[in-house]
Amino acid sequence: GLLLLLAMMTYTDGEGVFCRDLLVYAPDRGLQEQCVAFLSQESFPSFQQVGIEPSLQLQPFPPSALPPSWSHRLSPLRQLNTRASRKQLQPAVEAFMSSTC
């Protein structure tokens, strides 16, 4: 079954600013929280190898960003390090999964 799902949204906001957001979902709330903590706190040396900051610089959305019935199912995050693309995110998620599963 599904252990973990991450979705990355890339868009330009109304003021023309490039943005990246992440949604983290796991049926196991504990795994979801561990993944968010890992991605939020870790420094990834592989990012530096491609010339970007070593952190995703994640900020949680305010609790009001989701309907109350979804707040325990999804963790929406703003990714301030917009240079870290899905190509950099994938090894970070792999490192998390290797450390927990």
N, C-alpha and C. Protein backbone atom coordinates (compact mmCIF):
# COMPACT_ATOMS: atom_id res chain seq x y z
N GLY A 1 0.81 -1.19 0.00
CA GLY A 1 0.00 0.00 0.00
C GLY A 1 0.86 1.26 0.00
N LEU A 2 0.20 2.33 -0.05
CA LEU A 2 0.85 3.63 -0.06
C LEU A 2 1.43 3.95 1.31
N LEU A 3 2.73 4.27 1.35
CA LEU A 3 3.37 4.67 2.60
C LEU A 3 3.44 6.18 2.74
N LEU A 4 3.79 6.87 1.65
CA LEU A 4 4.05 8.30 1.71
C LEU A 4 3.79 8.90 0.33
N LEU A 5 3.18 10.07 0.32
CA LEU A 5 2.92 10.78 -0.92
C LEU A 5 3.35 12.23 -0.75
N LEU A 6 4.15 12.71 -1.66
CA LEU A 6 4.53 14.12 -1.70
C LEU A 6 4.10 14.69 -3.03
N ALA A 7 3.52 15.86 -2.99
CA ALA A 7 3.15 16.58 -4.21
C ALA A 7 3.82 17.94 -4.17
N MET A 8 4.47 18.32 -5.26
CA MET A 8 5.10 19.63 -5.35
C MET A 8 4.32 20.46 -6.36
N MET A 9 3.92 21.64 -5.92
CA MET A 9 3.24 22.58 -6.80
C MET A 9 4.20 23.72 -7.10
N THR A 10 4.35 24.02 -8.37
CA THR A 10 5.21 25.11 -8.82
C THR A 10 4.33 26.08 -9.58
N TYR A 11 4.40 27.35 -9.21
CA TYR A 11 3.54 28.34 -9.85
C TYR A 11 4.11 29.73 -9.67
N THR A 12 3.55 30.67 -10.39
CA THR A 12 3.88 32.09 -10.23
C THR A 12 2.66 32.75 -9.61
N ASP A 13 2.88 33.46 -8.50
CA ASP A 13 1.74 34.08 -7.81
C ASP A 13 1.28 35.33 -8.56
N GLY A 14 0.26 35.99 -8.03
CA GLY A 14 -0.32 37.15 -8.67
C GLY A 14 0.62 38.32 -8.83
N GLU A 15 1.71 38.33 -8.08
CA GLU A 15 2.70 39.41 -8.18
C GLU A 15 3.90 39.02 -9.04
N GLY A 16 3.81 37.85 -9.68
CA GLY A 16 4.87 37.40 -10.56
C GLY A 16 6.03 36.71 -9.86
N VAL A 17 5.83 36.32 -8.59
CA VAL A 17 6.88 35.65 -7.82
C VAL A 17 6.77 34.14 -8.02
N PHE A 18 7.89 33.50 -8.35
CA PHE A 18 7.95 32.05 -8.51
C PHE A 18 7.84 31.38 -7.15
N CYS A 19 6.96 30.39 -7.02
CA CYS A 19 6.70 29.73 -5.73
C CYS A 19 6.74 28.22 -5.89
N ARG A 20 7.09 27.54 -4.79
CA ARG A 20 6.98 26.08 -4.70
C ARG A 20 6.31 25.76 -3.37
N ASP A 21 5.36 24.86 -3.42
CA ASP A 21 4.69 24.36 -2.23
C ASP A 21 4.75 22.84 -2.25
N LEU A 22 4.75 22.24 -1.06
CA LEU A 22 4.72 20.79 -0.93
C LEU A 22 3.50 20.38 -0.13
N LEU A 23 2.93 19.26 -0.48
CA LEU A 23 1.92 18.59 0.33
C LEU A 23 2.50 17.24 0.71
N VAL A 24 2.45 16.92 1.99
CA VAL A 24 2.93 15.63 2.48
C VAL A 24 1.74 14.87 3.04
N TYR A 25 1.57 13.63 2.60
CA TYR A 25 0.50 12.77 3.09
C TYR A 25 1.06 11.39 3.39
N ALA A 26 0.62 10.82 4.48
CA ALA A 26 0.89 9.42 4.79
C ALA A 26 -0.30 8.90 5.60
N PRO A 27 -0.76 7.68 5.32
CA PRO A 27 -1.85 7.12 6.12
C PRO A 27 -1.49 7.06 7.61
N ASP A 28 -0.22 6.87 7.88
CA ASP A 28 0.29 6.84 9.25
C ASP A 28 0.71 8.26 9.63
N ARG A 29 -0.07 8.91 10.50
CA ARG A 29 0.20 10.30 10.88
C ARG A 29 1.61 10.47 11.45
N GLY A 30 2.08 9.49 12.19
CA GLY A 30 3.43 9.56 12.75
C GLY A 30 4.49 9.63 11.66
N LEU A 31 4.34 8.82 10.62
CA LEU A 31 5.28 8.84 9.50
C LEU A 31 5.23 10.19 8.79
N GLN A 32 4.03 10.71 8.63
CA GLN A 32 3.86 12.02 7.99
C GLN A 32 4.60 13.10 8.79
N GLU A 33 4.42 13.11 10.09
CA GLU A 33 5.08 14.11 10.93
C GLU A 33 6.60 13.93 10.91
N GLN A 34 7.07 12.68 10.90
CA GLN A 34 8.52 12.43 10.83
C GLN A 34 9.10 12.94 9.51
N CYS A 35 8.37 12.73 8.43
CA CYS A 35 8.84 13.18 7.12
C CYS A 35 8.92 14.70 7.08
N VAL A 36 7.90 15.37 7.57
CA VAL A 36 7.91 16.84 7.59
C VAL A 36 9.07 17.35 8.44
N ALA A 37 9.28 16.74 9.60
CA ALA A 37 10.38 17.16 10.48
C ALA A 37 11.73 16.94 9.78
N PHE A 38 11.90 15.78 9.15
CA PHE A 38 13.15 15.47 8.45
C PHE A 38 13.43 16.47 7.34
N LEU A 39 12.43 16.69 6.48
CA LEU A 39 12.62 17.59 5.36
C LEU A 39 12.78 19.04 5.81
N SER A 40 12.21 19.39 6.93
CA SER A 40 12.28 20.77 7.44
C SER A 40 13.61 21.07 8.11
N GLN A 41 14.23 20.07 8.72
CA GLN A 41 15.40 20.31 9.55
C GLN A 41 16.71 19.90 8.91
N GLU A 42 16.65 18.98 8.00
CA GLU A 42 17.89 18.42 7.46
C GLU A 42 18.58 19.37 6.49
N SER A 43 19.88 19.24 6.45
CA SER A 43 20.72 19.92 5.47
C SER A 43 21.19 18.84 4.51
N PHE A 44 21.04 19.08 3.23
CA PHE A 44 21.35 18.07 2.24
C PHE A 44 22.58 18.49 1.42
N PRO A 45 23.74 17.86 1.70
CA PRO A 45 24.97 18.22 0.98
C PRO A 45 24.83 18.08 -0.53
N SER A 46 23.99 17.17 -1.00
CA SER A 46 23.83 16.99 -2.45
C SER A 46 23.28 18.25 -3.11
N PHE A 47 22.55 19.07 -2.35
CA PHE A 47 22.05 20.32 -2.90
C PHE A 47 23.23 21.24 -3.24
N GLN A 48 24.21 21.29 -2.34
CA GLN A 48 25.37 22.16 -2.55
C GLN A 48 26.16 21.73 -3.79
N GLN A 49 26.14 20.45 -4.10
CA GLN A 49 26.88 19.95 -5.26
C GLN A 49 26.33 20.53 -6.56
N VAL A 50 25.06 20.92 -6.56
CA VAL A 50 24.47 21.52 -7.77
C VAL A 50 24.29 23.03 -7.60
N GLY A 51 24.92 23.60 -6.58
CA GLY A 51 24.96 25.04 -6.42
C GLY A 51 23.77 25.71 -5.79
N ILE A 52 23.04 24.98 -4.94
CA ILE A 52 21.90 25.59 -4.25
C ILE A 52 22.04 25.42 -2.74
N GLU A 53 21.30 26.21 -2.01
CA GLU A 53 21.33 26.14 -0.55
C GLU A 53 21.01 24.72 -0.09
N PRO A 54 21.63 24.24 1.00
CA PRO A 54 21.48 22.85 1.42
C PRO A 54 20.17 22.54 2.16
N SER A 55 19.28 23.49 2.30
CA SER A 55 18.03 23.26 3.02
C SER A 55 16.84 23.59 2.12
N LEU A 56 15.73 22.89 2.32
CA LEU A 56 14.51 23.21 1.56
C LEU A 56 13.84 24.49 2.08
N GLN A 57 14.17 24.88 3.31
CA GLN A 57 13.60 26.08 3.93
C GLN A 57 12.06 26.02 3.90
N LEU A 58 11.53 24.99 4.56
CA LEU A 58 10.08 24.78 4.57
C LEU A 58 9.42 25.54 5.69
N GLN A 59 8.25 26.10 5.39
CA GLN A 59 7.41 26.75 6.38
C GLN A 59 6.02 26.16 6.30
N PRO A 60 5.43 25.78 7.43
CA PRO A 60 4.07 25.26 7.38
C PRO A 60 3.07 26.36 7.03
N PHE A 61 2.04 25.96 6.31
CA PHE A 61 0.94 26.88 6.05
C PHE A 61 0.17 27.07 7.35
N PRO A 62 -0.56 28.17 7.49
CA PRO A 62 -1.39 28.33 8.70
C PRO A 62 -2.45 27.24 8.76
N PRO A 63 -2.86 26.84 9.96
CA PRO A 63 -3.87 25.79 10.09
C PRO A 63 -5.15 26.07 9.30
N SER A 64 -5.46 27.32 9.08
CA SER A 64 -6.68 27.67 8.35
C SER A 64 -6.57 27.39 6.85
N ALA A 65 -5.39 26.98 6.36
CA ALA A 65 -5.19 26.73 4.93
C ALA A 65 -5.94 25.50 4.44
N LEU A 66 -6.29 24.61 5.36
CA LEU A 66 -7.01 23.38 5.00
C LEU A 66 -8.31 23.30 5.77
N PRO A 67 -9.30 22.63 5.19
CA PRO A 67 -10.51 22.36 5.97
C PRO A 67 -10.16 21.53 7.21
N PRO A 68 -10.84 21.74 8.33
CA PRO A 68 -10.51 21.01 9.56
C PRO A 68 -10.47 19.49 9.38
N SER A 69 -11.33 18.95 8.55
CA SER A 69 -11.36 17.49 8.38
C SER A 69 -10.14 16.97 7.64
N TRP A 70 -9.37 17.84 7.00
CA TRP A 70 -8.18 17.43 6.27
C TRP A 70 -6.90 17.70 7.03
N SER A 71 -6.96 18.49 8.08
CA SER A 71 -5.74 18.95 8.75
C SER A 71 -4.90 17.81 9.31
N HIS A 72 -5.51 16.69 9.66
CA HIS A 72 -4.73 15.55 10.16
C HIS A 72 -4.24 14.66 9.03
N ARG A 73 -4.68 14.92 7.80
CA ARG A 73 -4.31 14.06 6.68
C ARG A 73 -3.20 14.64 5.81
N LEU A 74 -3.11 15.96 5.75
CA LEU A 74 -2.14 16.61 4.87
C LEU A 74 -1.30 17.62 5.63
N SER A 75 -0.06 17.74 5.23
CA SER A 75 0.81 18.79 5.76
C SER A 75 1.21 19.69 4.60
N PRO A 76 0.58 20.86 4.47
CA PRO A 76 0.97 21.79 3.40
C PRO A 76 2.15 22.65 3.85
N LEU A 77 3.13 22.78 2.98
CA LEU A 77 4.36 23.50 3.31
C LEU A 77 4.75 24.44 2.18
N ARG A 78 5.19 25.62 2.54
CA ARG A 78 5.78 26.55 1.57
C ARG A 78 7.27 26.27 1.53
N GLN A 79 7.81 26.09 0.33
CA GLN A 79 9.23 25.81 0.14
C GLN A 79 9.90 27.12 -0.28
N LEU A 80 10.62 27.74 0.65
CA LEU A 80 11.25 29.02 0.37
C LEU A 80 12.48 28.88 -0.53
N ASN A 81 13.16 27.75 -0.47
CA ASN A 81 14.29 27.50 -1.37
C ASN A 81 13.72 26.98 -2.69
N THR A 82 13.32 27.90 -3.55
CA THR A 82 12.65 27.52 -4.80
C THR A 82 13.62 26.93 -5.83
N ARG A 83 14.91 27.03 -5.57
CA ARG A 83 15.87 26.42 -6.50
C ARG A 83 15.94 24.91 -6.32
N ALA A 84 15.46 24.38 -5.22
CA ALA A 84 15.45 22.93 -4.99
C ALA A 84 14.22 22.36 -5.70
N SER A 85 14.47 21.71 -6.83
CA SER A 85 13.38 21.16 -7.64
C SER A 85 13.05 19.73 -7.21
N ARG A 86 12.14 19.13 -7.93
CA ARG A 86 11.78 17.73 -7.63
C ARG A 86 12.99 16.82 -7.78
N LYS A 87 13.92 17.20 -8.64
CA LYS A 87 15.13 16.40 -8.83
C LYS A 87 16.00 16.38 -7.58
N GLN A 88 15.97 17.47 -6.80
CA GLN A 88 16.69 17.50 -5.54
C GLN A 88 15.85 16.93 -4.41
N LEU A 89 14.55 17.08 -4.50
CA LEU A 89 13.66 16.58 -3.45
C LEU A 89 13.67 15.04 -3.39
N GLN A 90 13.72 14.39 -4.53
CA GLN A 90 13.65 12.92 -4.57
C GLN A 90 14.73 12.26 -3.74
N PRO A 91 16.02 12.64 -3.86
CA PRO A 91 17.02 12.00 -3.00
C PRO A 91 16.82 12.32 -1.52
N ALA A 92 16.27 13.50 -1.22
CA ALA A 92 15.99 13.85 0.18
C ALA A 92 14.92 12.93 0.75
N VAL A 93 13.89 12.66 -0.03
CA VAL A 93 12.83 11.74 0.40
C VAL A 93 13.38 10.33 0.51
N GLU A 94 14.23 9.94 -0.42
CA GLU A 94 14.86 8.62 -0.37
C GLU A 94 15.69 8.47 0.91
N ALA A 95 16.42 9.52 1.27
CA ALA A 95 17.22 9.49 2.51
C ALA A 95 16.30 9.32 3.72
N PHE A 96 15.16 10.01 3.72
CA PHE A 96 14.21 9.86 4.81
C PHE A 96 13.69 8.43 4.89
N MET A 97 13.26 7.89 3.76
CA MET A 97 12.72 6.54 3.76
C MET A 97 13.76 5.52 4.19
N SER A 98 15.01 5.71 3.79
CA SER A 98 16.08 4.79 4.18
C SER A 98 16.33 4.84 5.68
N SER A 99 16.12 6.02 6.26
CA SER A 99 16.37 6.17 7.70
C SER A 99 15.22 5.66 8.57
N THR A 100 14.04 5.50 7.98
CA THR A 100 12.88 5.10 8.80
C THR A 100 12.32 3.73 8.47
N CYS A 101 12.49 3.26 7.27
CA CYS A 101 11.86 1.98 6.88
C CYS A 101 12.87 0.86 6.78
